[in-house]
Amino acid sequence: MGDPKGFMIHTRRAPKYLPVEERLRNHDEHVEILPEETVRTQASRCMDCGVPFCMSGCPLGNLIPEWNDLVYRGRWKEALEVLHATNNFPEFTGRVCPAPCENSCVLGINEPPVTIKLHEVSIVDKGFEMGWIRPEPPPKRSGKRVAIVGSGPAGLACAQQLNRAGHTVTVFEKHDRAGGLLMYGIPHYKLRKEKVQRRIDLLAAEGIAFRLRCHVGVDVSFQELRRAFDAIVICTGAEQPRDLQIPGRELDGIHFAMEYLPQSNRANWGDADIAALHPKRQRIWAEGKRVIVIGGGDTGSDCIGTALRQGAVSVVNFELLPAPPERRAPNNPWPQWARIRRISSSVEEMLARGGDVYYSISTKAFHGQDGRVCGLTTVDLDWSSGKPVEKPGSERRWDCDLVLLALGFLGPRRPGLLEQAGVALDERGNVRTDPQTRMTSVEGVFAAGDARRGQSLVVWAISEGREIARAVDEWLTGEPSLLPAVRLDPFQY
């Protein structure tokens, strides 16, 4: 604990967003960069608690008080070593994680919590700036070969951990770039793709092989992988989108969020064919359109910010559930994740441009003209009984040219790989694994990330990848793994 009085002397100073009109002019990251002295001052607010609840709030179990103290003292290289000890990719989580650690900060009981996320991203950015982050190939190889299907954060973390254990790892990715949602889902303005590619290049330099444009189950069969590799890890994510099957759904101009967002990212890369990933190679762009985003989660927020940057005439957002409270409810005490209303940067931009988030609203039908969507009808909902009840006389017609469905995901995409693999699924359609061995119902086949636990956060995906790598290492060697252990289930308070 560098400064015993730091939390009493200094107030919280988190990075601010750039002005709305300035950030809407481009797709650059739009969070201000604070001076090093300010970051060190903020780190001094950490109280080095006897029971560091911030660590239990973090799915990776990051050693937060340790690197807070090192940041305060200006010992950045040591802070980077401590940070990398539990987190393979802090440059990702430091930008896109909602920071459950800060919700669990003890100082946050009666004061604004420590700016943990700021310190995390500052450490790793300093590491890249100083050239401290370099490829670290293993000193020797085990002779075992592992195939990882999917190159999202779970697959990448699993690959790096198994490579560190000396196994020969090949990552299979159906698209033309590795990274999964890091590359094709999260917009550039939240996570620049050069930063994703930089880390992937490091992994390749450490000896991990990437087979791109190779769709397991289509271009290569699962049985071919079984014959060529000693173990397989399924990290395909939860790609099956939740649909909205109402009258007019067949109209053109109604698209899933993950048909739309990758095209914007490809455009920002400078790709000539931005619609290459669309099943019909259909170009989806919001310029000059009246856009309605249905779904109020992170994916919906990403659609809002992207549409505004593309020049949408207007954007509004529909959310089925009622608006969250402004403060914690009595049944949601610290250190649980605070279920309160949060205004993302994209929603802030939408509000500034005259749009709004409409809560407790259900879409009943789409309307079309010449085969294209031109509007939709909604009805307001009453949640007072705990269940949604439509309010009589509340129907409303909305004009629109583009509807983006961001209603969540229902598990791994089917049919395809899972049927070929023959793995058992749980009641939610995710891959079932043994709670002890982390193995699926098929010997030598494992699963990690959203494919195993359902749609979740990047930080949970990294946690999953690390722990499943440990389970694979133990199965391959028949001995306890030397890879560090993490937990896969949240603590209950």
Protein backbone atom coordinates (compact mmCIF):
# COMPACT_ATOMS: atom_id res chain seq x y z
CA MET A 1 0.00 0.00 0.00
CA GLY A 2 1.98 2.92 -1.33
CA ASP A 3 -0.01 5.78 0.21
CA PRO A 4 -2.08 4.90 3.30
CA LYS A 5 -4.01 8.16 2.97
CA GLY A 6 -4.41 8.18 -0.80
CA PHE A 7 -8.08 7.23 -0.74
CA MET A 8 -8.81 10.03 1.73
CA ILE A 9 -6.88 12.72 -0.12
CA HIS A 10 -7.74 12.08 -3.77
CA THR A 11 -11.08 11.78 -5.52
CA ARG A 12 -11.80 9.45 -8.43
CA ARG A 13 -10.65 10.75 -11.81
CA ALA A 14 -11.62 8.40 -14.62
CA PRO A 15 -10.89 9.12 -18.29
CA LYS A 16 -13.59 11.13 -20.03
CA TYR A 17 -15.02 10.59 -23.47
CA LEU A 18 -14.14 13.07 -26.18
CA PRO A 19 -16.99 15.45 -27.15
CA VAL A 20 -19.80 13.70 -29.03
CA GLU A 21 -19.52 15.63 -32.28
CA GLU A 22 -15.75 15.17 -32.34
CA ARG A 23 -15.84 11.40 -31.87
CA LEU A 24 -18.67 10.85 -34.33
CA ARG A 25 -16.45 12.14 -37.13
CA ASN A 26 -14.35 8.96 -37.14
CA HIS A 27 -14.03 5.42 -35.82
CA ASP A 28 -11.03 6.09 -33.56
CA GLU A 29 -11.00 5.19 -29.88
CA HIS A 30 -12.60 8.11 -28.11
CA VAL A 31 -11.40 7.95 -24.50
CA GLU A 32 -8.93 10.58 -23.34
CA ILE A 33 -5.44 9.49 -22.35
CA LEU A 34 -4.55 10.71 -18.86
CA PRO A 35 -1.02 11.82 -17.90
CA GLU A 36 1.14 9.24 -16.13
CA GLU A 37 1.18 11.30 -12.95
CA THR A 38 -2.63 11.29 -12.83
CA VAL A 39 -2.72 7.51 -13.26
CA ARG A 40 -0.20 7.04 -10.44
CA THR A 41 -2.23 9.34 -8.21
CA GLN A 42 -5.37 7.35 -8.93
CA ALA A 43 -3.54 4.12 -8.09
CA SER A 44 -2.72 5.56 -4.67
CA ARG A 45 -6.44 5.38 -3.82
CA CYS A 46 -6.22 1.58 -3.56
CA MET A 47 -6.53 0.62 0.12
CA ASP A 48 -4.83 -2.80 -0.24
CA CYS A 49 -7.78 -4.30 1.65
CA GLY A 50 -7.33 -7.28 3.93
CA VAL A 51 -9.94 -9.06 1.81
CA PRO A 52 -9.55 -7.69 -1.76
CA PHE A 53 -13.06 -8.15 -3.09
CA CYS A 54 -11.94 -6.60 -6.39
CA MET A 55 -10.01 -9.82 -7.07
CA SER A 56 -13.06 -11.98 -6.46
CA GLY A 57 -15.15 -9.67 -8.64
CA CYS A 58 -12.73 -10.28 -11.51
CA PRO A 59 -13.28 -13.56 -13.41
CA LEU A 60 -9.51 -13.78 -13.91
CA GLY A 61 -8.66 -13.19 -10.26
CA ASN A 62 -6.32 -10.35 -11.28
CA LEU A 63 -3.81 -9.35 -8.57
CA ILE A 64 -5.24 -5.86 -8.52
CA PRO A 65 -3.86 -4.44 -5.23
CA GLU A 66 -0.37 -5.59 -6.22
CA TRP A 67 -0.25 -3.83 -9.56
CA ASN A 68 -2.05 -0.78 -8.16
CA ASP A 69 0.79 -0.38 -5.67
CA LEU A 70 3.43 -0.88 -8.36
CA VAL A 71 1.78 1.71 -10.60
CA TYR A 72 1.74 4.21 -7.75
CA ARG A 73 5.46 3.63 -7.24
CA GLY A 74 6.17 3.97 -10.98
CA ARG A 75 7.43 0.39 -11.26
CA TRP A 76 5.63 -0.22 -14.55
CA LYS A 77 7.60 -3.21 -15.81
CA GLU A 78 6.97 -5.14 -12.59
CA ALA A 79 3.30 -4.13 -12.75
CA LEU A 80 3.15 -5.57 -16.28
CA GLU A 81 4.60 -8.88 -15.10
CA VAL A 82 2.00 -9.12 -12.33
CA LEU A 83 -0.81 -8.18 -14.72
CA HIS A 84 0.25 -10.73 -17.34
CA ALA A 85 0.46 -13.41 -14.66
CA THR A 86 -3.34 -13.68 -14.69
CA ASN A 87 -4.48 -11.93 -17.88
CA ASN A 88 -3.23 -12.84 -21.35
CA PHE A 89 -4.75 -9.82 -23.08
CA PRO A 90 -5.14 -6.80 -20.76
CA GLU A 91 -5.14 -4.45 -23.77
CA PHE A 92 -8.54 -5.96 -24.65
CA THR A 93 -10.11 -6.13 -21.19
CA GLY A 94 -8.70 -2.72 -20.29
CA ARG A 95 -10.81 -1.30 -23.11
CA VAL A 96 -13.99 -3.37 -23.41
CA CYS A 97 -14.52 -5.01 -20.00
CA PRO A 98 -17.37 -3.49 -17.93
CA ALA A 99 -15.05 -3.76 -14.90
CA PRO A 100 -16.92 -5.96 -12.39
CA CYS A 101 -13.80 -5.51 -10.24
CA GLU A 102 -14.71 -1.86 -9.70
CA ASN A 103 -18.22 -2.88 -8.62
CA SER A 104 -16.56 -5.01 -5.92
CA CYS A 105 -14.04 -2.39 -4.75
CA VAL A 106 -14.29 -1.94 -0.97
CA LEU A 107 -13.80 1.80 -1.33
CA GLY A 108 -16.90 1.75 -3.52
CA ILE A 109 -19.12 1.01 -0.51
CA ASN A 110 -19.26 4.69 0.40
CA GLU A 111 -16.94 6.45 -2.08
CA PRO A 112 -16.34 6.26 -5.85
CA PRO A 113 -14.33 3.07 -6.47
CA VAL A 114 -10.70 2.88 -7.56
CA THR A 115 -10.12 3.33 -11.31
CA ILE A 116 -8.90 -0.25 -11.75
CA LYS A 117 -9.65 -0.44 -15.47
CA LEU A 118 -7.61 2.72 -16.09
CA HIS A 119 -4.56 1.22 -14.37
CA GLU A 120 -4.90 -2.04 -16.28
CA VAL A 121 -4.90 -0.44 -19.73
CA SER A 122 -2.20 2.05 -18.72
CA ILE A 123 0.13 -0.77 -17.66
CA VAL A 124 -0.21 -2.79 -20.86
CA ASP A 125 -0.05 0.26 -23.14
CA LYS A 126 3.14 1.28 -21.34
CA GLY A 127 4.48 -2.22 -21.89
CA PHE A 128 3.92 -2.04 -25.65
CA GLU A 129 5.29 1.51 -25.79
CA MET A 130 8.51 0.50 -24.04
CA GLY A 131 8.95 -2.71 -26.03
CA TRP A 132 8.65 -4.93 -22.96
CA ILE A 133 6.03 -7.21 -24.54
CA ARG A 134 7.84 -9.63 -26.82
CA PRO A 135 7.26 -13.16 -28.11
CA GLU A 136 8.05 -15.83 -25.51
CA PRO A 137 8.19 -19.23 -27.25
CA PRO A 138 8.45 -22.27 -24.98
CA PRO A 139 11.97 -23.66 -24.40
CA LYS A 140 10.94 -27.18 -25.48
CA ARG A 141 8.03 -29.06 -27.03
CA SER A 142 6.01 -31.93 -25.54
CA GLY A 143 5.31 -33.67 -28.82
CA LYS A 144 1.55 -33.31 -28.29
CA ARG A 145 -0.65 -31.55 -30.85
CA VAL A 146 -3.76 -29.55 -29.95
CA ALA A 147 -6.38 -28.10 -32.33
CA ILE A 148 -8.39 -25.09 -31.19
CA VAL A 149 -11.53 -24.36 -33.21
CA GLY A 150 -12.27 -20.65 -33.05
CA SER A 151 -9.94 -17.69 -32.53
CA GLY A 152 -11.95 -15.46 -30.22
CA PRO A 153 -10.62 -14.46 -26.78
CA ALA A 154 -11.25 -17.93 -25.31
CA GLY A 155 -9.48 -19.68 -28.18
CA LEU A 156 -6.55 -17.27 -28.16
CA ALA A 157 -6.07 -17.51 -24.38
CA CYS A 158 -6.31 -21.30 -24.49
CA ALA A 159 -3.81 -21.41 -27.35
CA GLN A 160 -1.27 -19.24 -25.57
CA GLN A 161 -1.48 -21.22 -22.33
CA LEU A 162 -1.13 -24.59 -24.07
CA ASN A 163 1.75 -23.24 -26.16
CA ARG A 164 3.47 -22.13 -22.95
CA ALA A 165 3.11 -25.69 -21.68
CA GLY A 166 5.08 -26.83 -24.71
CA HIS A 167 2.29 -28.33 -26.79
CA THR A 168 2.07 -27.64 -30.52
CA VAL A 169 -1.09 -25.60 -31.09
CA THR A 170 -3.01 -24.91 -34.28
CA VAL A 171 -5.92 -22.45 -34.25
CA PHE A 172 -8.62 -22.92 -36.91
CA GLU A 173 -10.63 -19.85 -37.93
CA LYS A 174 -13.35 -19.81 -40.60
CA HIS A 175 -12.91 -16.11 -41.39
CA ASP A 176 -10.01 -14.36 -43.07
CA ARG A 177 -8.68 -12.83 -39.85
CA ALA A 178 -8.22 -14.25 -36.37
CA GLY A 179 -9.77 -12.61 -33.33
CA GLY A 180 -13.46 -13.60 -33.39
CA LEU A 181 -15.65 -10.93 -31.84
CA LEU A 182 -12.56 -8.93 -30.92
CA MET A 183 -11.95 -8.45 -34.63
CA TYR A 184 -15.39 -8.56 -36.24
CA GLY A 185 -17.89 -7.78 -33.48
CA ILE A 186 -16.57 -5.01 -31.23
CA PRO A 187 -16.40 -1.72 -33.20
CA HIS A 188 -13.12 0.04 -33.99
CA TYR A 189 -14.01 3.00 -31.79
CA LYS A 190 -13.99 0.73 -28.72
CA LEU A 191 -11.07 -1.50 -29.70
CA ARG A 192 -8.84 -0.65 -32.65
CA LYS A 193 -8.20 -3.77 -34.71
CA GLU A 194 -4.52 -2.98 -35.07
CA LYS A 195 -4.26 -3.78 -31.36
CA VAL A 196 -5.95 -7.14 -31.90
CA GLN A 197 -3.68 -8.00 -34.82
CA ARG A 198 -0.63 -6.93 -32.83
CA ARG A 199 -1.38 -9.56 -30.19
CA ILE A 200 -2.19 -12.24 -32.76
CA ASP A 201 1.15 -11.56 -34.45
CA LEU A 202 2.85 -12.06 -31.08
CA LEU A 203 1.09 -15.41 -30.62
CA ALA A 204 2.20 -16.51 -34.07
CA ALA A 205 5.78 -15.49 -33.25
CA GLU A 206 5.56 -17.70 -30.14
CA GLY A 207 4.91 -20.70 -32.36
CA ILE A 208 1.10 -20.89 -32.55
CA ALA A 209 -0.13 -21.77 -36.05
CA PHE A 210 -3.22 -20.06 -37.47
CA ARG A 211 -5.23 -21.67 -40.26
CA LEU A 212 -7.51 -18.95 -41.57
CA ARG A 213 -10.43 -19.38 -43.98
CA CYS A 214 -10.72 -22.94 -42.68
CA HIS A 215 -14.23 -23.73 -41.48
CA VAL A 216 -14.13 -26.88 -39.36
CA GLY A 217 -17.17 -28.95 -40.27
CA VAL A 218 -17.18 -27.57 -43.82
CA ASP A 219 -13.67 -27.17 -45.26
CA VAL A 220 -12.23 -29.83 -42.98
CA SER A 221 -14.21 -32.46 -41.10
CA PHE A 222 -14.11 -32.92 -37.37
CA GLN A 223 -12.91 -36.49 -37.87
CA GLU A 224 -9.89 -35.21 -39.80
CA LEU A 225 -8.97 -33.13 -36.76
CA ARG A 226 -9.44 -36.16 -34.52
CA ARG A 227 -6.93 -38.12 -36.58
CA ALA A 228 -4.37 -35.31 -36.75
CA PHE A 229 -4.45 -33.97 -33.17
CA ASP A 230 -4.15 -35.39 -29.67
CA ALA A 231 -6.78 -33.01 -28.23
CA ILE A 232 -9.38 -30.58 -29.59
CA VAL A 233 -10.85 -27.51 -27.89
CA ILE A 234 -14.13 -26.07 -29.23
CA CYS A 235 -14.09 -22.27 -28.86
CA THR A 236 -16.62 -21.32 -31.52
CA GLY A 237 -18.55 -18.85 -29.38
CA ALA A 238 -22.31 -18.46 -29.12
CA GLU A 239 -23.12 -17.38 -32.67
CA GLN A 240 -26.76 -18.45 -32.92
CA PRO A 241 -28.71 -15.16 -32.81
CA ARG A 242 -32.11 -14.85 -31.16
CA ASP A 243 -34.62 -13.98 -33.87
CA LEU A 244 -37.86 -12.01 -33.78
CA GLN A 245 -40.42 -14.08 -35.66
CA ILE A 246 -43.26 -11.62 -36.16
CA PRO A 247 -45.23 -10.61 -39.27
CA GLY A 248 -43.00 -8.93 -41.86
CA ARG A 249 -39.75 -10.55 -40.70
CA GLU A 250 -38.98 -11.61 -44.28
CA LEU A 251 -38.68 -7.99 -45.48
CA ASP A 252 -35.35 -6.69 -46.71
CA GLY A 253 -33.66 -4.20 -44.38
CA ILE A 254 -34.06 -6.30 -41.21
CA HIS A 255 -30.73 -7.76 -40.16
CA PHE A 256 -29.02 -9.42 -37.22
CA ALA A 257 -26.44 -7.26 -35.46
CA MET A 258 -23.67 -9.69 -36.34
CA GLU A 259 -24.52 -9.42 -40.01
CA TYR A 260 -24.07 -5.67 -39.72
CA LEU A 261 -21.16 -4.97 -37.36
CA PRO A 262 -18.49 -7.03 -39.19
CA GLN A 263 -19.09 -5.00 -42.35
CA SER A 264 -18.24 -1.75 -40.61
CA ASN A 265 -15.06 -3.26 -39.20
CA ARG A 266 -14.06 -4.58 -42.61
CA ALA A 267 -14.68 -1.12 -44.09
CA ASN A 268 -12.41 0.41 -41.47
CA TRP A 269 -9.74 -2.12 -42.41
CA GLY A 270 -10.03 -0.89 -46.00
CA ASP A 271 -11.39 -4.18 -47.37
CA ALA A 272 -12.84 -3.97 -50.88
CA ASP A 273 -15.62 -6.49 -50.19
CA ILE A 274 -17.09 -5.55 -46.84
CA ALA A 275 -20.02 -7.97 -47.29
CA ALA A 276 -17.77 -11.02 -47.64
CA LEU A 277 -19.02 -12.55 -44.37
CA HIS A 278 -22.73 -12.00 -45.04
CA PRO A 279 -24.52 -15.24 -46.01
CA LYS A 280 -25.96 -13.49 -49.09
CA ARG A 281 -23.03 -11.08 -49.51
CA GLN A 282 -25.49 -8.25 -48.98
CA ARG A 283 -24.04 -4.85 -48.09
CA ILE A 284 -25.61 -3.28 -44.98
CA TRP A 285 -24.94 0.41 -44.37
CA ALA A 286 -26.80 3.01 -42.29
CA GLU A 287 -25.96 6.19 -44.18
CA GLY A 288 -29.08 8.25 -44.86
CA LYS A 289 -31.36 5.75 -43.10
CA ARG A 290 -33.76 5.88 -40.17
CA VAL A 291 -32.43 3.12 -37.93
CA ILE A 292 -34.15 1.20 -35.15
CA VAL A 293 -32.00 -1.05 -32.94
CA ILE A 294 -34.00 -3.69 -31.07
CA GLY A 295 -32.13 -4.90 -27.99
CA GLY A 296 -30.52 -2.83 -25.25
CA GLY A 297 -27.33 -4.75 -24.41
CA ASP A 298 -23.73 -4.18 -25.44
CA THR A 299 -24.36 -5.45 -28.97
CA GLY A 300 -27.26 -3.06 -29.41
CA SER A 301 -25.09 -0.22 -28.14
CA ASP A 302 -22.41 -1.13 -30.68
CA CYS A 303 -25.00 -0.99 -33.46
CA ILE A 304 -26.10 2.46 -32.31
CA GLY A 305 -22.61 3.94 -32.30
CA THR A 306 -21.74 2.36 -35.63
CA ALA A 307 -24.93 3.58 -37.35
CA LEU A 308 -24.34 7.12 -36.13
CA ARG A 309 -20.78 7.11 -37.47
CA GLN A 310 -22.02 5.86 -40.82
CA GLY A 311 -24.34 8.85 -41.14
CA ALA A 312 -27.75 7.52 -40.09
CA VAL A 313 -30.51 10.15 -40.25
CA SER A 314 -31.88 8.98 -36.90
CA VAL A 315 -31.37 6.14 -34.42
CA VAL A 316 -33.66 4.89 -31.65
CA ASN A 317 -33.32 1.87 -29.37
CA PHE A 318 -35.99 -0.53 -28.06
CA GLU A 319 -35.60 -2.56 -24.89
CA LEU A 320 -38.15 -5.19 -23.81
CA LEU A 321 -37.33 -4.91 -20.10
CA PRO A 322 -38.14 -1.97 -17.83
CA ALA A 323 -35.49 0.69 -17.18
CA PRO A 324 -33.00 -0.34 -14.47
CA PRO A 325 -32.90 1.74 -11.27
CA GLU A 326 -30.45 4.61 -10.88
CA ARG A 327 -29.10 3.09 -7.65
CA ARG A 328 -28.66 -0.41 -6.27
CA ALA A 329 -31.87 -2.10 -5.16
CA PRO A 330 -31.98 -3.62 -1.63
CA ASN A 331 -31.70 -7.13 -3.12
CA ASN A 332 -28.58 -6.13 -5.10
CA PRO A 333 -26.03 -5.17 -2.41
CA TRP A 334 -22.29 -4.58 -2.73
CA PRO A 335 -20.10 -6.42 -3.81
CA GLN A 336 -22.48 -7.88 -6.41
CA TRP A 337 -22.52 -6.47 -9.92
CA ALA A 338 -24.68 -3.36 -9.66
CA ARG A 339 -27.80 -3.79 -11.77
CA ILE A 340 -28.30 -0.07 -12.41
CA ARG A 341 -28.86 2.07 -15.47
CA ARG A 342 -25.67 2.81 -17.37
CA ILE A 343 -25.33 5.17 -20.31
CA SER A 344 -22.80 3.84 -22.81
CA SER A 345 -20.86 6.23 -25.02
CA SER A 346 -22.99 5.15 -27.99
CA VAL A 347 -26.26 5.79 -26.17
CA GLU A 348 -24.90 9.18 -25.09
CA GLU A 349 -24.26 9.93 -28.76
CA MET A 350 -27.75 8.81 -29.72
CA LEU A 351 -29.32 11.03 -27.05
CA ALA A 352 -27.27 13.99 -28.27
CA ARG A 353 -28.58 13.41 -31.80
CA GLY A 354 -32.23 13.32 -30.68
CA GLY A 355 -32.72 9.57 -30.30
CA ASP A 356 -33.71 7.73 -27.16
CA VAL A 357 -33.93 4.35 -25.43
CA TYR A 358 -37.53 3.15 -25.13
CA TYR A 359 -37.96 0.67 -22.30
CA SER A 360 -40.79 -1.82 -21.71
CA ILE A 361 -41.65 -1.97 -25.38
CA SER A 362 -42.40 -4.94 -27.62
CA THR A 363 -42.25 -5.04 -31.41
CA LYS A 364 -45.39 -6.65 -32.87
CA ALA A 365 -45.02 -6.40 -36.67
CA PHE A 366 -42.81 -5.06 -39.44
CA HIS A 367 -44.31 -3.15 -42.36
CA GLY A 368 -42.93 -3.04 -45.87
CA GLN A 369 -43.12 -1.35 -49.24
CA ASP A 370 -41.79 -2.98 -52.43
CA GLY A 371 -40.27 -5.76 -50.33
CA ARG A 372 -38.31 -3.46 -48.00
CA VAL A 373 -39.06 -2.55 -44.41
CA CYS A 374 -40.54 0.92 -44.03
CA GLY A 375 -41.86 0.79 -40.49
CA LEU A 376 -42.91 -1.28 -37.51
CA THR A 377 -45.56 -1.39 -34.80
CA THR A 378 -44.85 -1.60 -31.08
CA VAL A 379 -46.86 -1.93 -27.90
CA ASP A 380 -45.93 -0.77 -24.40
CA LEU A 381 -45.54 -3.33 -21.61
CA ASP A 382 -46.55 -3.28 -17.95
CA TRP A 383 -44.11 -5.22 -15.75
CA SER A 384 -45.75 -4.42 -12.38
CA SER A 385 -46.84 -8.05 -11.92
CA GLY A 386 -43.35 -9.34 -12.71
CA LYS A 387 -44.46 -10.50 -16.14
CA PRO A 388 -44.92 -8.44 -19.31
CA VAL A 389 -48.54 -7.42 -19.97
CA GLU A 390 -49.40 -5.39 -23.04
CA LYS A 391 -51.01 -2.04 -22.26
CA PRO A 392 -54.31 -1.56 -24.14
CA GLY A 393 -54.29 1.31 -26.59
CA SER A 394 -50.49 1.74 -26.51
CA GLU A 395 -49.79 0.59 -30.07
CA ARG A 396 -47.54 2.91 -32.04
CA ARG A 397 -46.26 3.02 -35.61
CA TRP A 398 -42.58 3.88 -36.24
CA ASP A 399 -41.06 4.73 -39.63
CA CYS A 400 -37.68 3.19 -40.41
CA ASP A 401 -35.42 2.06 -43.25
CA LEU A 402 -33.09 -0.28 -41.35
CA VAL A 403 -33.82 -2.55 -38.37
CA LEU A 404 -30.97 -4.19 -36.47
CA LEU A 405 -31.77 -7.14 -34.19
CA ALA A 406 -29.50 -7.29 -31.13
CA LEU A 407 -31.55 -9.69 -29.02
CA GLY A 408 -28.77 -11.87 -27.67
CA PHE A 409 -27.51 -15.31 -28.64
CA LEU A 410 -28.77 -18.85 -28.09
CA GLY A 411 -25.55 -20.84 -28.01
CA PRO A 412 -23.20 -22.22 -30.68
CA ARG A 413 -24.39 -22.06 -34.27
CA ARG A 414 -26.12 -25.21 -35.49
CA PRO A 415 -26.22 -27.45 -37.40
CA GLY A 416 -22.59 -28.18 -38.25
CA LEU A 417 -19.54 -28.77 -36.11
CA LEU A 418 -21.29 -29.90 -32.93
CA GLU A 419 -23.25 -32.57 -34.78
CA GLN A 420 -20.08 -33.86 -36.43
CA ALA A 421 -18.28 -33.88 -33.08
CA GLY A 422 -21.13 -35.71 -31.38
CA VAL A 423 -20.75 -33.75 -28.14
CA ALA A 424 -23.61 -33.59 -25.65
CA LEU A 425 -25.34 -30.25 -25.08
CA ASP A 426 -26.85 -28.78 -21.94
CA GLU A 427 -30.42 -27.56 -21.55
CA ARG A 428 -29.50 -24.17 -23.06
CA GLY A 429 -27.89 -25.65 -26.16
CA ASN A 430 -24.31 -25.02 -25.05
CA VAL A 431 -21.60 -27.69 -25.06
CA ARG A 432 -21.79 -29.73 -21.86
CA THR A 433 -18.51 -30.41 -20.06
CA ASP A 434 -17.53 -32.42 -17.01
CA PRO A 435 -17.17 -30.09 -13.99
CA GLN A 436 -13.91 -31.75 -12.94
CA THR A 437 -12.09 -32.62 -16.18
CA ARG A 438 -13.73 -29.87 -18.32
CA MET A 439 -13.99 -32.51 -21.06
CA THR A 440 -17.05 -32.90 -23.27
CA SER A 441 -18.88 -36.21 -23.63
CA VAL A 442 -16.30 -37.13 -26.31
CA GLU A 443 -12.89 -38.29 -25.09
CA GLY A 444 -10.14 -35.77 -25.82
CA VAL A 445 -12.54 -33.01 -26.86
CA PHE A 446 -12.94 -29.95 -24.65
CA ALA A 447 -14.93 -26.69 -24.86
CA ALA A 448 -14.30 -23.18 -23.59
CA GLY A 449 -15.77 -19.69 -23.70
CA ASP A 450 -19.25 -18.80 -24.91
CA ALA A 451 -19.61 -22.20 -26.59
CA ARG A 452 -19.54 -23.73 -23.09
CA ARG A 453 -21.10 -21.10 -20.82
CA GLY A 454 -23.26 -19.11 -23.24
CA GLN A 455 -22.85 -15.49 -24.30
CA SER A 456 -20.73 -13.61 -21.81
CA LEU A 457 -17.91 -11.11 -21.40
CA VAL A 458 -14.45 -11.04 -22.98
CA VAL A 459 -12.93 -11.34 -19.50
CA TRP A 460 -14.91 -14.54 -18.86
CA ALA A 461 -13.79 -15.93 -22.22
CA ILE A 462 -10.13 -15.38 -21.32
CA SER A 463 -10.75 -16.99 -17.94
CA GLU A 464 -12.37 -19.97 -19.61
CA GLY A 465 -9.54 -20.34 -22.09
CA ARG A 466 -6.93 -20.32 -19.35
CA GLU A 467 -8.65 -22.91 -17.19
CA ILE A 468 -9.57 -25.27 -20.02
CA ALA A 469 -5.93 -25.11 -21.20
CA ARG A 470 -4.94 -26.33 -17.77
CA ALA A 471 -7.43 -29.20 -18.00
CA VAL A 472 -6.15 -30.16 -21.47
CA ASP A 473 -2.54 -30.07 -20.25
CA GLU A 474 -3.36 -32.42 -17.37
CA TRP A 475 -5.17 -34.83 -19.70
CA LEU A 476 -2.33 -34.85 -22.23
CA THR A 477 0.45 -35.35 -19.70
CA GLY A 478 -1.35 -37.43 -17.08
CA GLU A 479 0.17 -35.19 -14.42
CA PRO A 480 -0.96 -32.09 -12.49
CA SER A 481 -0.56 -29.04 -14.71
CA LEU A 482 1.89 -26.31 -13.86
CA LEU A 483 -0.32 -23.77 -15.62
CA PRO A 484 -2.00 -21.39 -13.14
CA ALA A 485 -5.55 -22.21 -12.09
CA VAL A 486 -8.49 -19.82 -12.33
CA ARG A 487 -12.11 -20.26 -11.32
CA LEU A 488 -14.93 -20.69 -13.81
CA ASP A 489 -17.87 -19.82 -11.58
CA PRO A 490 -18.56 -16.48 -9.88
CA PHE A 491 -18.36 -16.25 -6.11
CA GLN A 492 -21.72 -15.96 -4.36
CA TYR A 493 -22.05 -13.50 -1.49
